[in-house]
Amino acid sequence: RFTISRDSAKNTVWLQMNNLKPEDTAIYYCNTYPP
């Protein structure tokens, strides 16, 4: 349901979330890995 895409030229990363469920309710953060 979730996947990440990125555009390095734009310095942007997206989290594509499909078919969302109530249990997906949260604050979402981006960070390096490891954080």
Full PDB file with SEQRES, HELIX, SHEET, SSBOND, CRYST1, ORIGX, SCALE, CONECT and MASTER records, all heavy atoms in Angstrom:
SEQRES   1 A   35  ARG PHE THR ILE SER ARG ASP SER ALA LYS ASN THR VAL          
SEQRES   2 A   35  TRP LEU GLN MET ASN ASN LEU LYS PRO GLU ASP THR ALA          
SEQRES   3 A   35  ILE TYR TYR CYS ASN THR TYR PRO PRO                          
HELIX    1 AA1 SER A    8  LYS A   10  5                                   3    
HELIX    2 AA2 PRO A   22  ASP A   24  5                                   3    
SHEET    1 AA1 2 PHE A   2  ASP A   7  0                                        
SHEET    2 AA1 2 THR A  12  MET A  17 -1                                        
CRYST1    1.000    1.000    1.000  90.00  90.00  90.00 P 1           1          
ORIGX1      1.000000  0.000000  0.000000        0.00000                         
ORIGX2      0.000000  1.000000  0.000000        0.00000                         
ORIGX3      0.000000  0.000000  1.000000        0.00000                         
SCALE1      1.000000  0.000000  0.000000        0.00000                         
SCALE2      0.000000  1.000000  0.000000        0.00000                         
SCALE3      0.000000  0.000000  1.000000        0.00000                         
ATOM      1  N   ARG A   1       0.812  -1.222   0.000  1.00  0.00           N  
ATOM      2  CA  ARG A   1       0.000   0.000   0.000  1.00  0.00           C  
ATOM      3  C   ARG A   1       0.846   1.274   0.000  1.00  0.00           C  
ATOM      4  O   ARG A   1       0.430   2.299  -0.526  1.00  0.00           O  
ATOM      5  CB  ARG A   1      -0.924   0.014   1.218  1.00  0.00           C  
ATOM      6  CG  ARG A   1      -1.907  -1.132   1.285  1.00  0.00           C  
ATOM      7  CD  ARG A   1      -2.953  -0.909   2.368  1.00  0.00           C  
ATOM      8  NE  ARG A   1      -2.389  -0.893   3.705  1.00  0.00           N  
ATOM      9  CZ  ARG A   1      -2.452   0.164   4.542  1.00  0.00           C  
ATOM     10  NH1 ARG A   1      -3.052   1.277   4.160  1.00  0.00           N  
ATOM     11  NH2 ARG A   1      -1.930   0.078   5.752  1.00  0.00           N  
ATOM     12  N   PHE A   2       2.031   1.219   0.613  1.00  0.00           N  
ATOM     13  CA  PHE A   2       2.905   2.392   0.716  1.00  0.00           C  
ATOM     14  C   PHE A   2       4.132   2.190  -0.149  1.00  0.00           C  
ATOM     15  O   PHE A   2       4.661   1.081  -0.270  1.00  0.00           O  
ATOM     16  CB  PHE A   2       3.375   2.592   2.167  1.00  0.00           C  
ATOM     17  CG  PHE A   2       2.320   3.060   3.123  1.00  0.00           C  
ATOM     18  CD1 PHE A   2       0.976   3.031   2.819  1.00  0.00           C  
ATOM     19  CD2 PHE A   2       2.699   3.568   4.364  1.00  0.00           C  
ATOM     20  CE1 PHE A   2       0.016   3.475   3.716  1.00  0.00           C  
ATOM     21  CE2 PHE A   2       1.762   4.012   5.282  1.00  0.00           C  
ATOM     22  CZ  PHE A   2       0.414   3.955   4.958  1.00  0.00           C  
ATOM     23  N   THR A   3       4.612   3.267  -0.710  1.00  0.00           N  
ATOM     24  CA  THR A   3       5.868   3.231  -1.441  1.00  0.00           C  
ATOM     25  C   THR A   3       6.492   4.617  -1.422  1.00  0.00           C  
ATOM     26  O   THR A   3       5.787   5.618  -1.267  1.00  0.00           O  
ATOM     27  CB  THR A   3       5.666   2.750  -2.887  1.00  0.00           C  
ATOM     28  OG1 THR A   3       6.944   2.560  -3.510  1.00  0.00           O  
ATOM     29  CG2 THR A   3       4.871   3.759  -3.692  1.00  0.00           C  
ATOM     30  N   ILE A   4       7.802   4.680  -1.553  1.00  0.00           N  
ATOM     31  CA  ILE A   4       8.527   5.947  -1.568  1.00  0.00           C  
ATOM     32  C   ILE A   4       9.003   6.260  -2.975  1.00  0.00           C  
ATOM     33  O   ILE A   4       9.476   5.367  -3.695  1.00  0.00           O  
ATOM     34  CB  ILE A   4       9.741   5.899  -0.614  1.00  0.00           C  
ATOM     35  CG1 ILE A   4       9.283   5.872   0.844  1.00  0.00           C  
ATOM     36  CG2 ILE A   4      10.663   7.085  -0.836  1.00  0.00           C  
ATOM     37  CD1 ILE A   4      10.425   5.752   1.841  1.00  0.00           C  
ATOM     38  N   SER A   5       8.869   7.507  -3.348  1.00  0.00           N  
ATOM     39  CA  SER A   5       9.483   7.979  -4.582  1.00  0.00           C  
ATOM     40  C   SER A   5      10.299   9.220  -4.242  1.00  0.00           C  
ATOM     41  O   SER A   5      10.045   9.889  -3.243  1.00  0.00           O  
ATOM     42  CB  SER A   5       8.428   8.302  -5.638  1.00  0.00           C  
ATOM     43  OG  SER A   5       7.543   9.300  -5.175  1.00  0.00           O  
ATOM     44  N   ARG A   6      11.304   9.518  -5.053  1.00  0.00           N  
ATOM     45  CA  ARG A   6      12.147  10.665  -4.777  1.00  0.00           C  
ATOM     46  C   ARG A   6      12.605  11.315  -6.070  1.00  0.00           C  
ATOM     47  O   ARG A   6      12.709  10.664  -7.106  1.00  0.00           O  
ATOM     48  CB  ARG A   6      13.346  10.279  -3.907  1.00  0.00           C  
ATOM     49  CG  ARG A   6      14.328   9.328  -4.561  1.00  0.00           C  
ATOM     50  CD  ARG A   6      15.367   8.864  -3.551  1.00  0.00           C  
ATOM     51  NE  ARG A   6      16.184   9.971  -3.058  1.00  0.00           N  
ATOM     52  CZ  ARG A   6      17.019   9.871  -2.026  1.00  0.00           C  
ATOM     53  NH1 ARG A   6      17.135   8.738  -1.380  1.00  0.00           N  
ATOM     54  NH2 ARG A   6      17.739  10.897  -1.646  1.00  0.00           N  
ATOM     55  N   ASP A   7      12.838  12.601  -5.956  1.00  0.00           N  
ATOM     56  CA  ASP A   7      13.392  13.377  -7.049  1.00  0.00           C  
ATOM     57  C   ASP A   7      14.595  14.121  -6.474  1.00  0.00           C  
ATOM     58  O   ASP A   7      14.430  15.154  -5.818  1.00  0.00           O  
ATOM     59  CB  ASP A   7      12.348  14.344  -7.609  1.00  0.00           C  
ATOM     60  CG  ASP A   7      12.834  15.078  -8.845  1.00  0.00           C  
ATOM     61  OD1 ASP A   7      14.064  15.280  -8.990  1.00  0.00           O  
ATOM     62  OD2 ASP A   7      11.989  15.462  -9.668  1.00  0.00           O  
ATOM     63  N   SER A   8      15.763  13.591  -6.710  1.00  0.00           N  
ATOM     64  CA  SER A   8      16.970  14.181  -6.125  1.00  0.00           C  
ATOM     65  C   SER A   8      17.227  15.586  -6.641  1.00  0.00           C  
ATOM     66  O   SER A   8      17.755  16.434  -5.923  1.00  0.00           O  
ATOM     67  CB  SER A   8      18.176  13.285  -6.407  1.00  0.00           C  
ATOM     68  OG  SER A   8      18.008  12.034  -5.778  1.00  0.00           O  
ATOM     69  N   ALA A   9      16.837  15.853  -7.887  1.00  0.00           N  
ATOM     70  CA  ALA A   9      17.040  17.189  -8.446  1.00  0.00           C  
ATOM     71  C   ALA A   9      16.203  18.226  -7.699  1.00  0.00           C  
ATOM     72  O   ALA A   9      16.593  19.391  -7.608  1.00  0.00           O  
ATOM     73  CB  ALA A   9      16.689  17.190  -9.927  1.00  0.00           C  
ATOM     74  N   LYS A  10      15.079  17.793  -7.163  1.00  0.00           N  
ATOM     75  CA  LYS A  10      14.201  18.689  -6.405  1.00  0.00           C  
ATOM     76  C   LYS A  10      14.396  18.548  -4.908  1.00  0.00           C  
ATOM     77  O   LYS A  10      13.683  19.195  -4.137  1.00  0.00           O  
ATOM     78  CB  LYS A  10      12.739  18.414  -6.775  1.00  0.00           C  
ATOM     79  CG  LYS A  10      12.391  18.703  -8.219  1.00  0.00           C  
ATOM     80  CD  LYS A  10      10.919  18.423  -8.476  1.00  0.00           C  
ATOM     81  CE  LYS A  10      10.551  18.749  -9.925  1.00  0.00           C  
ATOM     82  NZ  LYS A  10       9.119  18.468 -10.207  1.00  0.00           N  
ATOM     83  N   ASN A  11      15.323  17.672  -4.495  1.00  0.00           N  
ATOM     84  CA  ASN A  11      15.541  17.431  -3.062  1.00  0.00           C  
ATOM     85  C   ASN A  11      14.234  17.100  -2.353  1.00  0.00           C  
ATOM     86  O   ASN A  11      13.938  17.632  -1.276  1.00  0.00           O  
ATOM     87  CB  ASN A  11      16.206  18.639  -2.406  1.00  0.00           C  
ATOM     88  CG  ASN A  11      17.610  18.865  -2.903  1.00  0.00           C  
ATOM     89  OD1 ASN A  11      18.271  17.939  -3.363  1.00  0.00           O  
ATOM     90  ND2 ASN A  11      18.068  20.092  -2.832  1.00  0.00           N  
ATOM     91  N   THR A  12      13.451  16.236  -2.945  1.00  0.00           N  
ATOM     92  CA  THR A  12      12.130  15.914  -2.402  1.00  0.00           C  
ATOM     93  C   THR A  12      11.900  14.408  -2.455  1.00  0.00           C  
ATOM     94  O   THR A  12      12.285  13.733  -3.418  1.00  0.00           O  
ATOM     95  CB  THR A  12      11.020  16.635  -3.173  1.00  0.00           C  
ATOM     96  OG1 THR A  12      11.252  18.040  -3.133  1.00  0.00           O  
ATOM     97  CG2 THR A  12       9.657  16.334  -2.555  1.00  0.00           C  
ATOM     98  N   VAL A  13      11.279  13.919  -1.386  1.00  0.00           N  
ATOM     99  CA  VAL A  13      10.883  12.517  -1.286  1.00  0.00           C  
ATOM    100  C   VAL A  13       9.390  12.487  -0.964  1.00  0.00           C  
ATOM    101  O   VAL A  13       8.920  13.289  -0.151  1.00  0.00           O  
ATOM    102  CB  VAL A  13      11.687  11.795  -0.188  1.00  0.00           C  
ATOM    103  CG1 VAL A  13      11.161  10.385   0.018  1.00  0.00           C  
ATOM    104  CG2 VAL A  13      13.168  11.753  -0.530  1.00  0.00           C  
ATOM    105  N   TRP A  14       8.668  11.582  -1.568  1.00  0.00           N  
ATOM    106  CA  TRP A  14       7.244  11.440  -1.316  1.00  0.00           C  
ATOM    107  C   TRP A  14       6.949  10.058  -0.746  1.00  0.00           C  
ATOM    108  O   TRP A  14       7.629   9.084  -1.072  1.00  0.00           O  
ATOM    109  CB  TRP A  14       6.441  11.597  -2.612  1.00  0.00           C  
ATOM    110  CG  TRP A  14       6.524  12.943  -3.216  1.00  0.00           C  
ATOM    111  CD1 TRP A  14       5.702  14.007  -2.981  1.00  0.00           C  
ATOM    112  CD2 TRP A  14       7.456  13.392  -4.198  1.00  0.00           C  
ATOM    113  NE1 TRP A  14       6.062  15.087  -3.751  1.00  0.00           N  
ATOM    114  CE2 TRP A  14       7.154  14.738  -4.508  1.00  0.00           C  
ATOM    115  CE3 TRP A  14       8.531  12.791  -4.848  1.00  0.00           C  
ATOM    116  CZ2 TRP A  14       7.880  15.493  -5.427  1.00  0.00           C  
ATOM    117  CZ3 TRP A  14       9.265  13.536  -5.765  1.00  0.00           C  
ATOM    118  CH2 TRP A  14       8.939  14.871  -6.041  1.00  0.00           C  
ATOM    119  N   LEU A  15       5.910   9.989   0.074  1.00  0.00           N  
ATOM    120  CA  LEU A  15       5.408   8.714   0.566  1.00  0.00           C  
ATOM    121  C   LEU A  15       4.018   8.521  -0.023  1.00  0.00           C  
ATOM    122  O   LEU A  15       3.064   9.172   0.401  1.00  0.00           O  
ATOM    123  CB  LEU A  15       5.342   8.694   2.099  1.00  0.00           C  
ATOM    124  CG  LEU A  15       4.772   7.407   2.713  1.00  0.00           C  
ATOM    125  CD1 LEU A  15       5.699   6.225   2.408  1.00  0.00           C  
ATOM    126  CD2 LEU A  15       4.585   7.564   4.219  1.00  0.00           C  
ATOM    127  N   GLN A  16       3.917   7.663  -1.002  1.00  0.00           N  
ATOM    128  CA  GLN A  16       2.628   7.371  -1.614  1.00  0.00           C  
ATOM    129  C   GLN A  16       1.904   6.353  -0.747  1.00  0.00           C  
ATOM    130  O   GLN A  16       2.404   5.240  -0.542  1.00  0.00           O  
ATOM    131  CB  GLN A  16       2.817   6.817  -3.029  1.00  0.00           C  
ATOM    132  CG  GLN A  16       1.520   6.394  -3.715  1.00  0.00           C  
ATOM    133  CD  GLN A  16       0.609   7.563  -4.034  1.00  0.00           C  
ATOM    134  OE1 GLN A  16       1.051   8.577  -4.555  1.00  0.00           O  
ATOM    135  NE2 GLN A  16      -0.667   7.435  -3.702  1.00  0.00           N  
ATOM    136  N   MET A  17       0.732   6.754  -0.248  1.00  0.00           N  
ATOM    137  CA  MET A  17      -0.048   5.886   0.631  1.00  0.00           C  
ATOM    138  C   MET A  17      -1.399   5.635  -0.013  1.00  0.00           C  
ATOM    139  O   MET A  17      -2.167   6.572  -0.251  1.00  0.00           O  
ATOM    140  CB  MET A  17      -0.229   6.538   2.010  1.00  0.00           C  
ATOM    141  CG  MET A  17       1.080   6.926   2.666  1.00  0.00           C  
ATOM    142  SD  MET A  17       0.873   7.488   4.380  1.00  0.00           S  
ATOM    143  CE  MET A  17      -0.033   9.010   4.109  1.00  0.00           C  
ATOM    144  N   ASN A  18      -1.689   4.387  -0.286  1.00  0.00           N  
ATOM    145  CA  ASN A  18      -2.949   3.996  -0.921  1.00  0.00           C  
ATOM    146  C   ASN A  18      -3.795   3.151   0.019  1.00  0.00           C  
ATOM    147  O   ASN A  18      -3.281   2.535   0.958  1.00  0.00           O  
ATOM    148  CB  ASN A  18      -2.666   3.206  -2.203  1.00  0.00           C  
ATOM    149  CG  ASN A  18      -1.910   4.016  -3.233  1.00  0.00           C  
ATOM    150  OD1 ASN A  18      -2.174   5.200  -3.440  1.00  0.00           O  
ATOM    151  ND2 ASN A  18      -0.962   3.387  -3.898  1.00  0.00           N  
ATOM    152  N   ASN A  19      -5.087   3.118  -0.262  1.00  0.00           N  
ATOM    153  CA  ASN A  19      -6.021   2.297   0.528  1.00  0.00           C  
ATOM    154  C   ASN A  19      -5.794   2.508   2.024  1.00  0.00           C  
ATOM    155  O   ASN A  19      -5.608   1.544   2.783  1.00  0.00           O  
ATOM    156  CB  ASN A  19      -5.856   0.823   0.153  1.00  0.00           C  
ATOM    157  CG  ASN A  19      -6.932  -0.051   0.750  1.00  0.00           C  
ATOM    158  OD1 ASN A  19      -8.025   0.421   1.089  1.00  0.00           O  
ATOM    159  ND2 ASN A  19      -6.639  -1.329   0.913  1.00  0.00           N  
ATOM    160  N   LEU A  20      -5.823   3.740   2.436  1.00  0.00           N  
ATOM    161  CA  LEU A  20      -5.519   4.069   3.823  1.00  0.00           C  
ATOM    162  C   LEU A  20      -6.556   3.498   4.773  1.00  0.00           C  
ATOM    163  O   LEU A  20      -7.750   3.390   4.436  1.00  0.00           O  
ATOM    164  CB  LEU A  20      -5.412   5.580   3.994  1.00  0.00           C  
ATOM    165  CG  LEU A  20      -4.076   6.150   3.509  1.00  0.00           C  
ATOM    166  CD1 LEU A  20      -4.185   7.641   3.244  1.00  0.00           C  
ATOM    167  CD2 LEU A  20      -2.980   5.865   4.527  1.00  0.00           C  
ATOM    168  N   LYS A  21      -6.087   3.142   5.962  1.00  0.00           N  
ATOM    169  CA  LYS A  21      -6.934   2.537   6.990  1.00  0.00           C  
ATOM    170  C   LYS A  21      -6.880   3.394   8.250  1.00  0.00           C  
ATOM    171  O   LYS A  21      -5.898   4.123   8.464  1.00  0.00           O  
ATOM    172  CB  LYS A  21      -6.428   1.129   7.290  1.00  0.00           C  
ATOM    173  CG  LYS A  21      -6.384   0.225   6.066  1.00  0.00           C  
ATOM    174  CD  LYS A  21      -5.791  -1.139   6.404  1.00  0.00           C  
ATOM    175  CE  LYS A  21      -5.744  -2.038   5.166  1.00  0.00           C  
ATOM    176  NZ  LYS A  21      -5.200  -3.377   5.478  1.00  0.00           N  
ATOM    177  N   PRO A  22      -7.897   3.301   9.100  1.00  0.00           N  
ATOM    178  CA  PRO A  22      -7.865   4.088  10.340  1.00  0.00           C  
ATOM    179  C   PRO A  22      -6.604   3.848  11.164  1.00  0.00           C  
ATOM    180  O   PRO A  22      -6.114   4.778  11.816  1.00  0.00           O  
ATOM    181  CB  PRO A  22      -9.118   3.602  11.079  1.00  0.00           C  
ATOM    182  CG  PRO A  22     -10.053   3.218   9.983  1.00  0.00           C  
ATOM    183  CD  PRO A  22      -9.171   2.598   8.923  1.00  0.00           C  
ATOM    184  N   GLU A  23      -6.066   2.636  11.131  1.00  0.00           N  
ATOM    185  CA  GLU A  23      -4.851   2.352  11.900  1.00  0.00           C  
ATOM    186  C   GLU A  23      -3.614   3.025  11.332  1.00  0.00           C  
ATOM    187  O   GLU A  23      -2.531   2.969  11.928  1.00  0.00           O  
ATOM    188  CB  GLU A  23      -4.619   0.839  12.023  1.00  0.00           C  
ATOM    189  CG  GLU A  23      -4.632   0.094  10.709  1.00  0.00           C  
ATOM    190  CD  GLU A  23      -5.983  -0.536  10.403  1.00  0.00           C  
ATOM    191  OE1 GLU A  23      -7.025   0.130  10.663  1.00  0.00           O  
ATOM    192  OE2 GLU A  23      -6.002  -1.677   9.899  1.00  0.00           O  
ATOM    193  N   ASP A  24      -3.728   3.652  10.167  1.00  0.00           N  
ATOM    194  CA  ASP A  24      -2.621   4.431   9.609  1.00  0.00           C  
ATOM    195  C   ASP A  24      -2.581   5.851  10.197  1.00  0.00           C  
ATOM    196  O   ASP A  24      -1.657   6.611   9.902  1.00  0.00           O  
ATOM    197  CB  ASP A  24      -2.738   4.529   8.084  1.00  0.00           C  
ATOM    198  CG  ASP A  24      -2.592   3.182   7.398  1.00  0.00           C  
ATOM    199  OD1 ASP A  24      -1.735   2.385   7.836  1.00  0.00           O  
ATOM    200  OD2 ASP A  24      -3.352   2.923   6.443  1.00  0.00           O  
ATOM    201  N   THR A  25      -3.564   6.189  10.990  1.00  0.00           N  
ATOM    202  CA  THR A  25      -3.600   7.514  11.613  1.00  0.00           C  
ATOM    203  C   THR A  25      -2.374   7.714  12.492  1.00  0.00           C  
ATOM    204  O   THR A  25      -2.088   6.910  13.382  1.00  0.00           O  
ATOM    205  CB  THR A  25      -4.877   7.679  12.447  1.00  0.00           C  
ATOM    206  OG1 THR A  25      -6.008   7.656  11.575  1.00  0.00           O  
ATOM    207  CG2 THR A  25      -4.851   8.988  13.223  1.00  0.00           C  
ATOM    208  N   ALA A  26      -1.625   8.772  12.222  1.00  0.00           N  
ATOM    209  CA  ALA A  26      -0.381   9.031  12.939  1.00  0.00           C  
ATOM    210  C   ALA A  26       0.217  10.345  12.450  1.00  0.00           C  
ATOM    211  O   ALA A  26      -0.256  10.922  11.462  1.00  0.00           O  
ATOM    212  CB  ALA A  26       0.621   7.902  12.717  1.00  0.00           C  
ATOM    213  N   ILE A  27       1.245  10.780  13.150  1.00  0.00           N  
ATOM    214  CA  ILE A  27       2.088  11.858  12.629  1.00  0.00           C  
ATOM    215  C   ILE A  27       3.208  11.182  11.841  1.00  0.00           C  
ATOM    216  O   ILE A  27       3.875  10.283  12.356  1.00  0.00           O  
ATOM    217  CB  ILE A  27       2.668  12.727  13.756  1.00  0.00           C  
ATOM    218  CG1 ILE A  27       1.543  13.376  14.554  1.00  0.00           C  
ATOM    219  CG2 ILE A  27       3.584  13.799  13.166  1.00  0.00           C  
ATOM    220  CD1 ILE A  27       2.012  14.129  15.771  1.00  0.00           C  
ATOM    221  N   TYR A  28       3.406  11.625  10.626  1.00  0.00           N  
ATOM    222  CA  TYR A  28       4.406  11.036   9.749  1.00  0.00           C  
ATOM    223  C   TYR A  28       5.607  11.963   9.646  1.00  0.00           C  
ATOM    224  O   TYR A  28       5.469  13.166   9.441  1.00  0.00           O  
ATOM    225  CB  TYR A  28       3.808  10.768   8.367  1.00  0.00           C  
ATOM    226  CG  TYR A  28       2.915   9.556   8.356  1.00  0.00           C  
ATOM    227  CD1 TYR A  28       1.651   9.598   8.934  1.00  0.00           C  
ATOM    228  CD2 TYR A  28       3.342   8.350   7.793  1.00  0.00           C  
ATOM    229  CE1 TYR A  28       0.837   8.473   8.947  1.00  0.00           C  
ATOM    230  CE2 TYR A  28       2.529   7.229   7.795  1.00  0.00           C  
ATOM    231  CZ  TYR A  28       1.279   7.298   8.374  1.00  0.00           C  
ATOM    232  OH  TYR A  28       0.469   6.170   8.397  1.00  0.00           O  
ATOM    233  N   TYR A  29       6.782  11.368   9.786  1.00  0.00           N  
ATOM    234  CA  TYR A  29       8.043  12.098   9.750  1.00  0.00           C  
ATOM    235  C   TYR A  29       8.958  11.500   8.694  1.00  0.00           C  
ATOM    236  O   TYR A  29       8.941  10.291   8.449  1.00  0.00           O  
ATOM    237  CB  TYR A  29       8.779  11.988  11.091  1.00  0.00           C  
ATOM    238  CG  TYR A  29       8.026  12.416  12.306  1.00  0.00           C  
ATOM    239  CD1 TYR A  29       7.178  11.544  12.981  1.00  0.00           C  
ATOM    240  CD2 TYR A  29       8.172  13.716  12.815  1.00  0.00           C  
ATOM    241  CE1 TYR A  29       6.494  11.937  14.118  1.00  0.00           C  
ATOM    242  CE2 TYR A  29       7.493  14.119  13.952  1.00  0.00           C  
ATOM    243  CZ  TYR A  29       6.662  13.220  14.598  1.00  0.00           C  
ATOM    244  OH  TYR A  29       5.991  13.622  15.723  1.00  0.00           O  
ATOM    245  N   CYS A  30       9.789  12.324   8.112  1.00  0.00           N  
ATOM    246  CA  CYS A  30      10.877  11.806   7.296  1.00  0.00           C  
ATOM    247  C   CYS A  30      12.185  12.068   8.026  1.00  0.00           C  
ATOM    248  O   CYS A  30      12.309  13.004   8.818  1.00  0.00           O  
ATOM    249  CB  CYS A  30      10.897  12.434   5.900  1.00  0.00           C  
ATOM    250  SG  CYS A  30      11.150  14.207   5.858  1.00  0.00           S  
ATOM    251  N   ASN A  31      13.143  11.236   7.768  1.00  0.00           N  
ATOM    252  CA  ASN A  31      14.458  11.351   8.382  1.00  0.00           C  
ATOM    253  C   ASN A  31      15.405  10.491   7.565  1.00  0.00           C  
ATOM    254  O   ASN A  31      14.991   9.743   6.687  1.00  0.00           O  
ATOM    255  CB  ASN A  31      14.420  10.866   9.839  1.00  0.00           C  
ATOM    256  CG  ASN A  31      15.555  11.439  10.670  1.00  0.00           C  
ATOM    257  OD1 ASN A  31      16.679  11.558  10.212  1.00  0.00           O  
ATOM    258  ND2 ASN A  31      15.252  11.824  11.905  1.00  0.00           N  
ATOM    259  N   THR A  32      16.647  10.600   7.849  1.00  0.00           N  
ATOM    260  CA  THR A  32      17.602   9.706   7.209  1.00  0.00           C  
ATOM    261  C   THR A  32      17.398   8.294   7.751  1.00  0.00           C  
ATOM    262  O   THR A  32      16.681   8.084   8.732  1.00  0.00           O  
ATOM    263  CB  THR A  32      19.037  10.155   7.496  1.00  0.00           C  
ATOM    264  OG1 THR A  32      19.218  10.200   8.923  1.00  0.00           O  
ATOM    265  CG2 THR A  32      19.301  11.535   6.927  1.00  0.00           C  
ATOM    266  N   TYR A  33      18.015   7.336   7.092  1.00  0.00           N  
ATOM    267  CA  TYR A  33      18.023   5.970   7.616  1.00  0.00           C  
ATOM    268  C   TYR A  33      19.480   5.535   7.732  1.00  0.00           C  
ATOM    269  O   TYR A  33      20.195   5.533   6.729  1.00  0.00           O  
ATOM    270  CB  TYR A  33      17.282   5.001   6.705  1.00  0.00           C  
ATOM    271  CG  TYR A  33      17.347   3.589   7.223  1.00  0.00           C  
ATOM    272  CD1 TYR A  33      16.442   3.144   8.182  1.00  0.00           C  
ATOM    273  CD2 TYR A  33      18.348   2.715   6.807  1.00  0.00           C  
ATOM    274  CE1 TYR A  33      16.517   1.867   8.691  1.00  0.00           C  
ATOM    275  CE2 TYR A  33      18.444   1.436   7.307  1.00  0.00           C  
ATOM    276  CZ  TYR A  33      17.530   1.013   8.256  1.00  0.00           C  
ATOM    277  OH  TYR A  33      17.621  -0.242   8.771  1.00  0.00           O  
ATOM    278  N   PRO A  34      19.901   5.202   8.955  1.00  0.00           N  
ATOM    279  CA  PRO A  34      19.161   5.294  10.210  1.00  0.00           C  
ATOM    280  C   PRO A  34      18.883   6.750  10.579  1.00  0.00           C  
ATOM    281  O   PRO A  34      19.539   7.653  10.057  1.00  0.00           O  
ATOM    282  CB  PRO A  34      20.100   4.630  11.221  1.00  0.00           C  
ATOM    283  CG  PRO A  34      21.456   4.790  10.638  1.00  0.00           C  
ATOM    284  CD  PRO A  34      21.278   4.713   9.155  1.00  0.00           C  
ATOM    285  N   PRO A  35      17.928   6.969  11.463  1.00  0.00           N  
ATOM    286  CA  PRO A  35      17.526   8.347  11.751  1.00  0.00           C  
ATOM    287  C   PRO A  35      18.572   9.117  12.547  1.00  0.00           C  
ATOM    288  O   PRO A  35      19.333   8.542  13.316  1.00  0.00           O  
ATOM    289  CB  PRO A  35      16.245   8.158  12.578  1.00  0.00           C  
ATOM    290  CG  PRO A  35      16.398   6.819  13.221  1.00  0.00           C  
ATOM    291  CD  PRO A  35      17.130   5.974  12.224  1.00  0.00           C  
TER     292      PRO A  35                                                      
MASTER        0    0    0    2    2    0    0    6  291    1    0    3          
END                                                                             
